[in-house]
Amino acid sequence: MAITQESTGSQTATVTTEHTLATITTQKTFVLSVDCSALAAGEYVEIKVKRDVRSADTTRTLHSRIVSWLEAAVNPIIQMPPVPAGGGEFVATLKQLNGTGRAFPWAVDTPG
């Protein structure tokens, strides 16, 4: 199965600020991956995937996950569940909840 990278980058977090990593308006299935290996002891990051039901609707949180530094030490690349095609907008966000702002490489891929 071929995988296409739709968008990539690196976000240096300002602690307690929700940063938008990507906003994509094409109707495809997406998978968000974030490298959380930079987290230090006691730090946490919240990753969200948002989607609207129809293109005219408000974007709402579909998946939300808080990743601890312990989880990132074992599995540094965190993947959110695939988001099926539909709606008009896919939005990926990241918010570091505490500690020192870290850099988080990320990618949004389309499987198949």
PDB file of N, CA and C in Angstrom:
ATOM      1  N   MET A   1       0.840  -1.169   0.000  1.00  0.00           N
ATOM      2  CA  MET A   1       0.000   0.000   0.000  1.00  0.00           C
ATOM      3  C   MET A   1       0.892   1.242   0.000  1.00  0.00           C
ATOM      4  N   ALA A   2       0.665   2.126  -0.939  1.00  0.00           N
ATOM      5  CA  ALA A   2       1.433   3.361  -1.039  1.00  0.00           C
ATOM      6  C   ALA A   2       0.937   4.372  -0.002  1.00  0.00           C
ATOM      7  N   ILE A   3       1.861   5.122   0.545  1.00  0.00           N
ATOM      8  CA  ILE A   3       1.523   6.182   1.501  1.00  0.00           C
ATOM      9  C   ILE A   3       2.004   7.500   0.924  1.00  0.00           C
ATOM     10  N   THR A   4       1.143   8.498   0.947  1.00  0.00           N
ATOM     11  CA  THR A   4       1.477   9.824   0.442  1.00  0.00           C
ATOM     12  C   THR A   4       1.545  10.795   1.610  1.00  0.00           C
ATOM     13  N   GLN A   5       2.639  11.550   1.709  1.00  0.00           N
ATOM     14  CA  GLN A   5       2.717  12.593   2.734  1.00  0.00           C
ATOM     15  C   GLN A   5       1.985  13.825   2.228  1.00  0.00           C
ATOM     16  N   GLU A   6       0.953  14.218   2.962  1.00  0.00           N
ATOM     17  CA  GLU A   6       0.153  15.389   2.604  1.00  0.00           C
ATOM     18  C   GLU A   6       0.784  16.666   3.137  1.00  0.00           C
ATOM     19  N   SER A   7       1.376  16.570   4.339  1.00  0.00           N
ATOM     20  CA  SER A   7       1.936  17.754   4.985  1.00  0.00           C
ATOM     21  C   SER A   7       2.917  17.295   6.056  1.00  0.00           C
ATOM     22  N   THR A   8       4.019  18.023   6.230  1.00  0.00           N
ATOM     23  CA  THR A   8       5.005  17.703   7.267  1.00  0.00           C
ATOM     24  C   THR A   8       5.557  18.999   7.847  1.00  0.00           C
ATOM     25  N   GLY A   9       6.211  18.875   8.979  1.00  0.00           N
ATOM     26  CA  GLY A   9       6.841  20.048   9.577  1.00  0.00           C
ATOM     27  C   GLY A   9       7.369  19.727  10.959  1.00  0.00           C
ATOM     28  N   SER A  10       7.720  20.778  11.668  1.00  0.00           N
ATOM     29  CA  SER A  10       8.163  20.672  13.055  1.00  0.00           C
ATOM     30  C   SER A  10       7.567  21.860  13.804  1.00  0.00           C
ATOM     31  N   GLN A  11       6.976  21.588  14.953  1.00  0.00           N
ATOM     32  CA  GLN A  11       6.372  22.649  15.753  1.00  0.00           C
ATOM     33  C   GLN A  11       7.111  22.758  17.071  1.00  0.00           C
ATOM     34  N   THR A  12       7.691  23.929  17.346  1.00  0.00           N
ATOM     35  CA  THR A  12       8.253  24.186  18.660  1.00  0.00           C
ATOM     36  C   THR A  12       7.131  24.745  19.515  1.00  0.00           C
ATOM     37  N   ALA A  13       6.817  24.041  20.589  1.00  0.00           N
ATOM     38  CA  ALA A  13       5.651  24.368  21.402  1.00  0.00           C
ATOM     39  C   ALA A  13       5.901  25.542  22.328  1.00  0.00           C
ATOM     40  N   THR A  14       4.903  26.406  22.427  1.00  0.00           N
ATOM     41  CA  THR A  14       4.785  27.369  23.509  1.00  0.00           C
ATOM     42  C   THR A  14       3.864  26.684  24.512  1.00  0.00           C
ATOM     43  N   VAL A  15       4.360  26.434  25.724  1.00  0.00           N
ATOM     44  CA  VAL A  15       3.634  25.639  26.708  1.00  0.00           C
ATOM     45  C   VAL A  15       2.250  26.245  26.958  1.00  0.00           C
ATOM     46  N   THR A  16       1.238  25.388  26.970  1.00  0.00           N
ATOM     47  CA  THR A  16      -0.196  25.659  27.173  1.00  0.00           C
ATOM     48  C   THR A  16      -0.879  26.334  25.990  1.00  0.00           C
ATOM     49  N   THR A  17      -0.203  26.455  24.858  1.00  0.00           N
ATOM     50  CA  THR A  17      -0.815  27.020  23.646  1.00  0.00           C
ATOM     51  C   THR A  17      -1.116  25.889  22.674  1.00  0.00           C
ATOM     52  N   GLU A  18      -2.350  25.867  22.144  1.00  0.00           N
ATOM     53  CA  GLU A  18      -2.693  24.862  21.141  1.00  0.00           C
ATOM     54  C   GLU A  18      -2.217  25.350  19.779  1.00  0.00           C
ATOM     55  N   HIS A  19      -1.309  24.589  19.178  1.00  0.00           N
ATOM     56  CA  HIS A  19      -0.729  24.940  17.883  1.00  0.00           C
ATOM     57  C   HIS A  19      -1.389  24.105  16.792  1.00  0.00           C
ATOM     58  N   THR A  20      -1.763  24.726  15.689  1.00  0.00           N
ATOM     59  CA  THR A  20      -2.293  23.993  14.541  1.00  0.00           C
ATOM     60  C   THR A  20      -1.114  23.498  13.715  1.00  0.00           C
ATOM     61  N   LEU A  21      -1.041  22.192  13.539  1.00  0.00           N
ATOM     62  CA  LEU A  21       0.025  21.592  12.741  1.00  0.00           C
ATOM     63  C   LEU A  21      -0.341  21.598  11.260  1.00  0.00           C
ATOM     64  N   ALA A  22      -1.582  21.223  10.961  1.00  0.00           N
ATOM     65  CA  ALA A  22      -2.007  21.151   9.565  1.00  0.00           C
ATOM     66  C   ALA A  22      -3.514  21.350   9.477  1.00  0.00           C
ATOM     67  N   THR A  23      -3.931  22.036   8.438  1.00  0.00           N
ATOM     68  CA  THR A  23      -5.342  22.143   8.073  1.00  0.00           C
ATOM     69  C   THR A  23      -5.428  21.720   6.615  1.00  0.00           C
ATOM     70  N   ILE A  24      -6.157  20.640   6.358  1.00  0.00           N
ATOM     71  CA  ILE A  24      -6.253  20.084   5.010  1.00  0.00           C
ATOM     72  C   ILE A  24      -7.729  20.023   4.629  1.00  0.00           C
ATOM     73  N   THR A  25      -8.038  20.464   3.430  1.00  0.00           N
ATOM     74  CA  THR A  25      -9.435  20.551   3.016  1.00  0.00           C
ATOM     75  C   THR A  25      -9.827  19.553   1.932  1.00  0.00           C
ATOM     76  N   THR A  26      -8.950  18.626   1.591  1.00  0.00           N
ATOM     77  CA  THR A  26      -9.312  17.597   0.614  1.00  0.00           C
ATOM     78  C   THR A  26      -9.985  16.433   1.332  1.00  0.00           C
ATOM     79  N   GLN A  27     -10.847  15.720   0.634  1.00  0.00           N
ATOM     80  CA  GLN A  27     -11.570  14.606   1.234  1.00  0.00           C
ATOM     81  C   GLN A  27     -10.823  13.300   0.985  1.00  0.00           C
ATOM     82  N   LYS A  28      -9.987  12.949   1.949  1.00  0.00           N
ATOM     83  CA  LYS A  28      -9.195  11.725   1.915  1.00  0.00           C
ATOM     84  C   LYS A  28      -9.144  11.166   3.327  1.00  0.00           C
ATOM     85  N   THR A  29      -8.608   9.962   3.465  1.00  0.00           N
ATOM     86  CA  THR A  29      -8.342   9.403   4.785  1.00  0.00           C
ATOM     87  C   THR A  29      -6.952   9.847   5.217  1.00  0.00           C
ATOM     88  N   PHE A  30      -6.819  10.293   6.477  1.00  0.00           N
ATOM     89  CA  PHE A  30      -5.554  10.830   6.972  1.00  0.00           C
ATOM     90  C   PHE A  30      -5.103  10.112   8.237  1.00  0.00           C
ATOM     91  N   VAL A  31      -3.777  10.055   8.417  1.00  0.00           N
ATOM     92  CA  VAL A  31      -3.152   9.554   9.637  1.00  0.00           C
ATOM     93  C   VAL A  31      -2.138  10.605  10.086  1.00  0.00           C
ATOM     94  N   LEU A  32      -2.224  11.021  11.346  1.00  0.00           N
ATOM     95  CA  LEU A  32      -1.284  11.988  11.916  1.00  0.00           C
ATOM     96  C   LEU A  32      -0.234  11.252  12.730  1.00  0.00           C
ATOM     97  N   SER A  33       1.051  11.556  12.509  1.00  0.00           N
ATOM     98  CA  SER A  33       2.155  11.008  13.297  1.00  0.00           C
ATOM     99  C   SER A  33       2.940  12.169  13.893  1.00  0.00           C
ATOM    100  N   VAL A  34       3.262  12.051  15.197  1.00  0.00           N
ATOM    101  CA  VAL A  34       4.027  13.094  15.885  1.00  0.00           C
ATOM    102  C   VAL A  34       5.161  12.423  16.642  1.00  0.00           C
ATOM    103  N   ASP A  35       6.382  12.937  16.478  1.00  0.00           N
ATOM    104  CA  ASP A  35       7.554  12.437  17.201  1.00  0.00           C
ATOM    105  C   ASP A  35       7.632  13.182  18.527  1.00  0.00           C
ATOM    106  N   CYS A  36       7.354  12.473  19.619  1.00  0.00           N
ATOM    107  CA  CYS A  36       7.330  13.074  20.963  1.00  0.00           C
ATOM    108  C   CYS A  36       8.585  12.765  21.767  1.00  0.00           C
ATOM    109  N   SER A  37       9.635  12.280  21.113  1.00  0.00           N
ATOM    110  CA  SER A  37      10.833  11.828  21.827  1.00  0.00           C
ATOM    111  C   SER A  37      11.574  12.938  22.567  1.00  0.00           C
ATOM    112  N   ALA A  38      11.276  14.199  22.278  1.00  0.00           N
ATOM    113  CA  ALA A  38      11.970  15.305  22.946  1.00  0.00           C
ATOM    114  C   ALA A  38      11.422  15.591  24.343  1.00  0.00           C
ATOM    115  N   LEU A  39      10.295  14.992  24.707  1.00  0.00           N
ATOM    116  CA  LEU A  39       9.730  15.242  26.037  1.00  0.00           C
ATOM    117  C   LEU A  39      10.708  14.822  27.133  1.00  0.00           C
ATOM    118  N   ALA A  40      10.818  15.659  28.153  1.00  0.00           N
ATOM    119  CA  ALA A  40      11.679  15.364  29.303  1.00  0.00           C
ATOM    120  C   ALA A  40      10.816  14.825  30.453  1.00  0.00           C
ATOM    121  N   ALA A  41      11.464  14.314  31.482  1.00  0.00           N
ATOM    122  CA  ALA A  41      10.768  13.721  32.619  1.00  0.00           C
ATOM    123  C   ALA A  41       9.687  14.658  33.162  1.00  0.00           C
ATOM    124  N   GLY A  42       8.487  14.115  33.312  1.00  0.00           N
ATOM    125  CA  GLY A  42       7.377  14.864  33.879  1.00  0.00           C
ATOM    126  C   GLY A  42       6.582  15.702  32.888  1.00  0.00           C
ATOM    127  N   GLU A  43       6.963  15.686  31.602  1.00  0.00           N
ATOM    128  CA  GLU A  43       6.275  16.524  30.605  1.00  0.00           C
ATOM    129  C   GLU A  43       5.190  15.727  29.869  1.00  0.00           C
ATOM    130  N   TYR A  44       4.168  16.481  29.427  1.00  0.00           N
ATOM    131  CA  TYR A  44       3.031  15.902  28.713  1.00  0.00           C
ATOM    132  C   TYR A  44       2.668  16.783  27.526  1.00  0.00           C
ATOM    133  N   VAL A  45       2.136  16.129  26.484  1.00  0.00           N
ATOM    134  CA  VAL A  45       1.677  16.850  25.300  1.00  0.00           C
ATOM    135  C   VAL A  45       0.298  16.293  24.914  1.00  0.00           C
ATOM    136  N   GLU A  46      -0.585  17.175  24.460  1.00  0.00           N
ATOM    137  CA  GLU A  46      -1.906  16.768  23.993  1.00  0.00           C
ATOM    138  C   GLU A  46      -1.959  16.920  22.483  1.00  0.00           C
ATOM    139  N   ILE A  47      -2.381  15.841  21.813  1.00  0.00           N
ATOM    140  CA  ILE A  47      -2.488  15.837  20.353  1.00  0.00           C
ATOM    141  C   ILE A  47      -3.964  15.643  20.012  1.00  0.00           C
ATOM    142  N   LYS A  48      -4.471  16.450  19.084  1.00  0.00           N
ATOM    143  CA  LYS A  48      -5.876  16.346  18.682  1.00  0.00           C
ATOM    144  C   LYS A  48      -5.991  16.253  17.165  1.00  0.00           C
ATOM    145  N   VAL A  49      -7.007  15.516  16.740  1.00  0.00           N
ATOM    146  CA  VAL A  49      -7.423  15.504  15.348  1.00  0.00           C
ATOM    147  C   VAL A  49      -8.865  15.991  15.337  1.00  0.00           C
ATOM    148  N   LYS A  50      -9.121  16.992  14.514  1.00  0.00           N
ATOM    149  CA  LYS A  50     -10.455  17.577  14.423  1.00  0.00           C
ATOM    150  C   LYS A  50     -10.989  17.392  13.010  1.00  0.00           C
ATOM    151  N   ARG A  51     -12.308  17.314  12.901  1.00  0.00           N
ATOM    152  CA  ARG A  51     -12.938  17.126  11.599  1.00  0.00           C
ATOM    153  C   ARG A  51     -14.330  17.722  11.652  1.00  0.00           C
ATOM    154  N   ASP A  52     -14.817  18.200  10.537  1.00  0.00           N
ATOM    155  CA  ASP A  52     -16.216  18.610  10.471  1.00  0.00           C
ATOM    156  C   ASP A  52     -17.001  17.515   9.767  1.00  0.00           C
ATOM    157  N   VAL A  53     -18.293  17.449  10.052  1.00  0.00           N
ATOM    158  CA  VAL A  53     -19.133  16.421   9.440  1.00  0.00           C
ATOM    159  C   VAL A  53     -19.426  16.770   7.990  1.00  0.00           C
ATOM    160  N   ARG A  54     -19.730  18.044   7.759  1.00  0.00           N
ATOM    161  CA  ARG A  54     -19.949  18.566   6.406  1.00  0.00           C
ATOM    162  C   ARG A  54     -19.123  19.833   6.276  1.00  0.00           C
ATOM    163  N   SER A  55     -18.832  20.229   5.074  1.00  0.00           N
ATOM    164  CA  SER A  55     -17.950  21.382   4.870  1.00  0.00           C
ATOM    165  C   SER A  55     -18.487  22.673   5.478  1.00  0.00           C
ATOM    166  N   ALA A  56     -19.785  22.790   5.679  1.00  0.00           N
ATOM    167  CA  ALA A  56     -20.352  24.013   6.256  1.00  0.00           C
ATOM    168  C   ALA A  56     -20.413  23.959   7.789  1.00  0.00           C
ATOM    169  N   ASP A  57     -20.068  22.818   8.403  1.00  0.00           N
ATOM    170  CA  ASP A  57     -20.187  22.645   9.845  1.00  0.00           C
ATOM    171  C   ASP A  57     -18.927  23.100  10.586  1.00  0.00           C
ATOM    172  N   THR A  58     -19.056  23.214  11.900  1.00  0.00           N
ATOM    173  CA  THR A  58     -17.933  23.576  12.764  1.00  0.00           C
ATOM    174  C   THR A  58     -17.001  22.382  12.921  1.00  0.00           C
ATOM    175  N   THR A  59     -15.711  22.634  12.931  1.00  0.00           N
ATOM    176  CA  THR A  59     -14.719  21.584  13.154  1.00  0.00           C
ATOM    177  C   THR A  59     -14.748  21.194  14.632  1.00  0.00           C
ATOM    178  N   ARG A  60     -14.850  19.891  14.889  1.00  0.00           N
ATOM    179  CA  ARG A  60     -14.940  19.371  16.258  1.00  0.00           C
ATOM    180  C   ARG A  60     -13.859  18.319  16.486  1.00  0.00           C
ATOM    181  N   THR A  61     -13.509  18.129  17.763  1.00  0.00           N
ATOM    182  CA  THR A  61     -12.485  17.138  18.110  1.00  0.00           C
ATOM    183  C   THR A  61     -13.012  15.723  17.856  1.00  0.00           C
ATOM    184  N   LEU A  62     -12.264  14.984  17.062  1.00  0.00           N
ATOM    185  CA  LEU A  62     -12.595  13.596  16.742  1.00  0.00           C
ATOM    186  C   LEU A  62     -11.766  12.643  17.603  1.00  0.00           C
ATOM    187  N   HIS A  63     -10.481  12.928  17.740  1.00  0.00           N
ATOM    188  CA  HIS A  63      -9.573  12.144  18.584  1.00  0.00           C
ATOM    189  C   HIS A  63      -8.742  13.111  19.416  1.00  0.00           C
ATOM    190  N   SER A  64      -8.523  12.757  20.676  1.00  0.00           N
ATOM    191  CA  SER A  64      -7.651  13.537  21.553  1.00  0.00           C
ATOM    192  C   SER A  64      -6.825  12.546  22.364  1.00  0.00           C
ATOM    193  N   ARG A  65      -5.543  12.833  22.483  1.00  0.00           N
ATOM    194  CA  ARG A  65      -4.658  11.922  23.217  1.00  0.00           C
ATOM    195  C   ARG A  65      -3.610  12.720  23.970  1.00  0.00           C
ATOM    196  N   ILE A  66      -3.434  12.403  25.243  1.00  0.00           N
ATOM    197  CA  ILE A  66      -2.366  13.002  26.036  1.00  0.00           C
ATOM    198  C   ILE A  66      -1.236  11.984  26.114  1.00  0.00           C
ATOM    199  N   VAL A  67      -0.043  12.428  25.740  1.00  0.00           N
ATOM    200  CA  VAL A  67       1.140  11.567  25.702  1.00  0.00           C
ATOM    201  C   VAL A  67       2.092  12.005  26.810  1.00  0.00           C
ATOM    202  N   SER A  68       2.521  11.067  27.631  1.00  0.00           N
ATOM    203  CA  SER A  68       3.473  11.373  28.698  1.00  0.00           C
ATOM    204  C   SER A  68       4.895  11.127  28.221  1.00  0.00           C
ATOM    205  N   TRP A  69       5.830  11.682  28.949  1.00  0.00           N
ATOM    206  CA  TRP A  69       7.240  11.487  28.624  1.00  0.00           C
ATOM    207  C   TRP A  69       7.615  10.011  28.719  1.00  0.00           C
ATOM    208  N   LEU A  70       6.954   9.257  29.610  1.00  0.00           N
ATOM    209  CA  LEU A  70       7.254   7.827  29.729  1.00  0.00           C
ATOM    210  C   LEU A  70       6.829   7.077  28.473  1.00  0.00           C
ATOM    211  N   GLU A  71       5.635   7.383  27.967  1.00  0.00           N
ATOM    212  CA  GLU A  71       5.163   6.738  26.740  1.00  0.00           C
ATOM    213  C   GLU A  71       6.056   7.108  25.563  1.00  0.00           C
ATOM    214  N   ALA A  72       6.457   8.378  25.505  1.00  0.00           N
ATOM    215  CA  ALA A  72       7.308   8.850  24.405  1.00  0.00           C
ATOM    216  C   ALA A  72       8.695   8.201  24.452  1.00  0.00           C
ATOM    217  N   ALA A  73       9.159   7.832  25.642  1.00  0.00           N
ATOM    218  CA  ALA A  73      10.458   7.169  25.761  1.00  0.00           C
ATOM    219  C   ALA A  73      10.415   5.757  25.166  1.00  0.00           C
ATOM    220  N   VAL A  74       9.267   5.095  25.268  1.00  0.00           N
ATOM    221  CA  VAL A  74       9.117   3.731  24.766  1.00  0.00           C
ATOM    222  C   VAL A  74       8.692   3.734  23.291  1.00  0.00           C
ATOM    223  N   ASN A  75       7.710   4.584  22.960  1.00  0.00           N
ATOM    224  CA  ASN A  75       7.186   4.703  21.591  1.00  0.00           C
ATOM    225  C   ASN A  75       7.260   6.171  21.189  1.00  0.00           C
ATOM    226  N   PRO A  76       8.397   6.630  20.686  1.00  0.00           N
ATOM    227  CA  PRO A  76       8.552   8.061  20.435  1.00  0.00           C
ATOM    228  C   PRO A  76       7.641   8.618  19.347  1.00  0.00           C
ATOM    229  N   ILE A  77       7.265   7.797  18.358  1.00  0.00           N
ATOM    230  CA  ILE A  77       6.385   8.293  17.297  1.00  0.00           C
ATOM    231  C   ILE A  77       4.964   7.854  17.620  1.00  0.00           C
ATOM    232  N   ILE A  78       4.106   8.837  17.861  1.00  0.00           N
ATOM    233  CA  ILE A  78       2.718   8.598  18.228  1.00  0.00           C
ATOM    234  C   ILE A  78       1.855   8.757  16.985  1.00  0.00           C
ATOM    235  N   GLN A  79       1.018   7.759  16.704  1.00  0.00           N
ATOM    236  CA  GLN A  79       0.096   7.844  15.569  1.00  0.00           C
ATOM    237  C   GLN A  79      -1.325   7.920  16.089  1.00  0.00           C
ATOM    238  N   MET A  80      -2.091   8.850  15.524  1.00  0.00           N
ATOM    239  CA  MET A  80      -3.513   8.943  15.829  1.00  0.00           C
ATOM    240  C   MET A  80      -4.250   7.993  14.895  1.00  0.00           C
ATOM    241  N   PRO A  81      -5.423   7.489  15.304  1.00  0.00           N
ATOM    242  CA  PRO A  81      -6.182   6.577  14.441  1.00  0.00           C
ATOM    243  C   PRO A  81      -6.511   7.233  13.101  1.00  0.00           C
ATOM    244  N   PRO A  82      -6.646   6.437  12.038  1.00  0.00           N
ATOM    245  CA  PRO A  82      -7.004   7.005  10.737  1.00  0.00           C
ATOM    246  C   PRO A  82      -8.331   7.747  10.800  1.00  0.00           C
ATOM    247  N   VAL A  83      -8.393   8.860  10.118  1.00  0.00           N
ATOM    248  CA  VAL A  83      -9.620   9.649  10.015  1.00  0.00           C
ATOM    249  C   VAL A  83     -10.175   9.428   8.614  1.00  0.00           C
ATOM    250  N   PRO A  84     -11.374   8.831   8.493  1.00  0.00           N
ATOM    251  CA  PRO A  84     -11.914   8.543   7.168  1.00  0.00           C
ATOM    252  C   PRO A  84     -12.242   9.798   6.382  1.00  0.00           C
ATOM    253  N   ALA A  85     -12.295   9.639   5.068  1.00  0.00           N
ATOM    254  CA  ALA A  85     -12.648  10.755   4.190  1.00  0.00           C
ATOM    255  C   ALA A  85     -14.049  11.238   4.516  1.00  0.00           C
ATOM    256  N   GLY A  86     -14.281  12.508   4.234  1.00  0.00           N
ATOM    257  CA  GLY A  86     -15.589  13.112   4.489  1.00  0.00           C
ATOM    258  C   GLY A  86     -15.407  14.492   5.047  1.00  0.00           C
ATOM    259  N   GLY A  87     -16.483  15.209   5.175  1.00  0.00           N
ATOM    260  CA  GLY A  87     -16.394  16.554   5.713  1.00  0.00           C
ATOM    261  C   GLY A  87     -15.650  17.466   4.758  1.00  0.00           C
ATOM    262  N   GLY A  88     -15.234  18.592   5.252  1.00  0.00           N
ATOM    263  CA  GLY A  88     -14.540  19.550   4.412  1.00  0.00           C
ATOM    264  C   GLY A  88     -13.203  19.974   4.965  1.00  0.00           C
ATOM    265  N   GLU A  89     -12.904  19.566   6.222  1.00  0.00           N
ATOM    266  CA  GLU A  89     -11.665  20.048   6.822  1.00  0.00           C
ATOM    267  C   GLU A  89     -11.129  19.041   7.835  1.00  0.00           C
ATOM    268  N   PHE A  90      -9.820  18.797   7.773  1.00  0.00           N
ATOM    269  CA  PHE A  90      -9.070  17.977   8.729  1.00  0.00           C
ATOM    270  C   PHE A  90      -8.087  18.922   9.404  1.00  0.00           C
ATOM    271  N   VAL A  91      -8.090  18.973  10.731  1.00  0.00           N
ATOM    272  CA  VAL A  91      -7.191  19.865  11.466  1.00  0.00           C
ATOM    273  C   VAL A  91      -6.450  19.043  12.520  1.00  0.00           C
ATOM    274  N   ALA A  92      -5.125  19.150  12.537  1.00  0.00           N
ATOM    275  CA  ALA A  92      -4.295  18.478  13.533  1.00  0.00           C
ATOM    276  C   ALA A  92      -3.681  19.539  14.437  1.00  0.00           C
ATOM    277  N   THR A  93      -3.763  19.333  15.767  1.00  0.00           N
ATOM    278  CA  THR A  93      -3.203  20.305  16.704  1.00  0.00           C
ATOM    279  C   THR A  93      -2.336  19.619  17.745  1.00  0.00           C
ATOM    280  N   LEU A  94      -1.490  20.421  18.385  1.00  0.00           N
ATOM    281  CA  LEU A  94      -0.593  19.944  19.430  1.00  0.00           C
ATOM    282  C   LEU A  94      -0.525  21.004  20.516  1.00  0.00           C
ATOM    283  N   LYS A  95      -0.591  20.567  21.779  1.00  0.00           N
ATOM    284  CA  LYS A  95      -0.428  21.494  22.907  1.00  0.00           C
ATOM    285  C   LYS A  95       0.435  20.815  23.957  1.00  0.00           C
ATOM    286  N   GLN A  96       1.586  21.419  24.251  1.00  0.00           N
ATOM    287  CA  GLN A  96       2.423  20.901  25.335  1.00  0.00           C
ATOM    288  C   GLN A  96       1.848  21.451  26.630  1.00  0.00           C
ATOM    289  N   LEU A  97       1.573  20.571  27.586  1.00  0.00           N
ATOM    290  CA  LEU A  97       0.852  20.956  28.783  1.00  0.00           C
ATOM    291  C   LEU A  97       1.728  21.525  29.895  1.00  0.00           C
ATOM    292  N   ASN A  98       3.007  21.158  29.911  1.00  0.00           N
ATOM    293  CA  ASN A  98       3.888  21.637  30.986  1.00  0.00           C
ATOM    294  C   ASN A  98       5.348  21.500  30.560  1.00  0.00           C
ATOM    295  N   GLY A  99       6.233  21.982  31.416  1.00  0.00           N
ATOM    296  CA  GLY A  99       7.669  21.846  31.158  1.00  0.00           C
ATOM    297  C   GLY A  99       8.229  22.949  30.289  1.00  0.00           C
ATOM    298  N   THR A 100       9.268  22.608  29.547  1.00  0.00           N
ATOM    299  CA  THR A 100       9.940  23.523  28.634  1.00  0.00           C
ATOM    300  C   THR A 100       9.482  23.219  27.220  1.00  0.00           C
ATOM    301  N   GLY A 101       9.167  24.245  26.444  1.00  0.00           N
ATOM    302  CA  GLY A 101       8.693  24.040  25.068  1.00  0.00           C
ATOM    303  C   GLY A 101       9.673  23.208  24.252  1.00  0.00           C
ATOM    304  N   ARG A 102       9.186  22.168  23.633  1.00  0.00           N
ATOM    305  CA  ARG A 102      10.004  21.247  22.845  1.00  0.00           C
ATOM    306  C   ARG A 102       9.624  21.318  21.371  1.00  0.00           C
ATOM    307  N   ALA A 103      10.506  20.817  20.515  1.00  0.00           N
ATOM    308  CA  ALA A 103      10.226  20.732  19.077  1.00  0.00           C
ATOM    309  C   ALA A 103       9.652  19.348  18.777  1.00  0.00           C
ATOM    310  N   PHE A 104       8.562  19.326  18.008  1.00  0.00           N
ATOM    311  CA  PHE A 104       7.863  18.093  17.667  1.00  0.00           C
ATOM    312  C   PHE A 104       7.773  17.948  16.148  1.00  0.00           C
ATOM    313  N   PRO A 105       8.586  17.080  15.527  1.00  0.00           N
ATOM    314  CA  PRO A 105       8.410  16.786  14.102  1.00  0.00           C
ATOM    315  C   PRO A 105       7.090  16.045  13.916  1.00  0.00           C
ATOM    316  N   TRP A 106       6.412  16.310  12.806  1.00  0.00           N
ATOM    317  CA  TRP A 106       5.109  15.697  12.565  1.00  0.00           C
ATOM    318  C   TRP A 106       4.892  15.474  11.066  1.00  0.00           C
ATOM    319  N   ALA A 107       3.919  14.595  10.747  1.00  0.00           N
ATOM    320  CA  ALA A 107       3.553  14.340   9.362  1.00  0.00           C
ATOM    321  C   ALA A 107       2.085  13.925   9.311  1.00  0.00           C
ATOM    322  N   VAL A 108       1.415  14.339   8.243  1.00  0.00           N
ATOM    323  CA  VAL A 108       0.065  13.880   7.933  1.00  0.00           C
ATOM    324  C   VAL A 108       0.173  13.073   6.640  1.00  0.00           C
ATOM    325  N   ASP A 109      -0.229  11.798   6.726  1.00  0.00           N
ATOM    326  CA  ASP A 109      -0.114  10.887   5.592  1.00  0.00           C
ATOM    327  C   ASP A 109      -1.486  10.413   5.123  1.00  0.00           C
ATOM    328  N   THR A 110      -1.544  10.056   3.843  1.00  0.00           N
ATOM    329  CA  THR A 110      -2.731   9.438   3.265  1.00  0.00           C
ATOM    330  C   THR A 110      -2.358   8.012   2.872  1.00  0.00           C
ATOM    331  N   PRO A 111      -2.984   7.007   3.513  1.00  0.00           N
ATOM    332  CA  PRO A 111      -2.703   5.623   3.139  1.00  0.00           C
ATOM    333  C   PRO A 111      -3.423   5.252   1.848  1.00  0.00           C
ATOM    334  N   GLY A 112      -2.817   4.329   1.129  1.00  0.00           N
ATOM    335  CA  GLY A 112      -3.473   3.782  -0.048  1.00  0.00           C
ATOM    336  C   GLY A 112      -3.291   4.617  -1.236  1.00  0.00           C
TER     337      GLY A 112
END
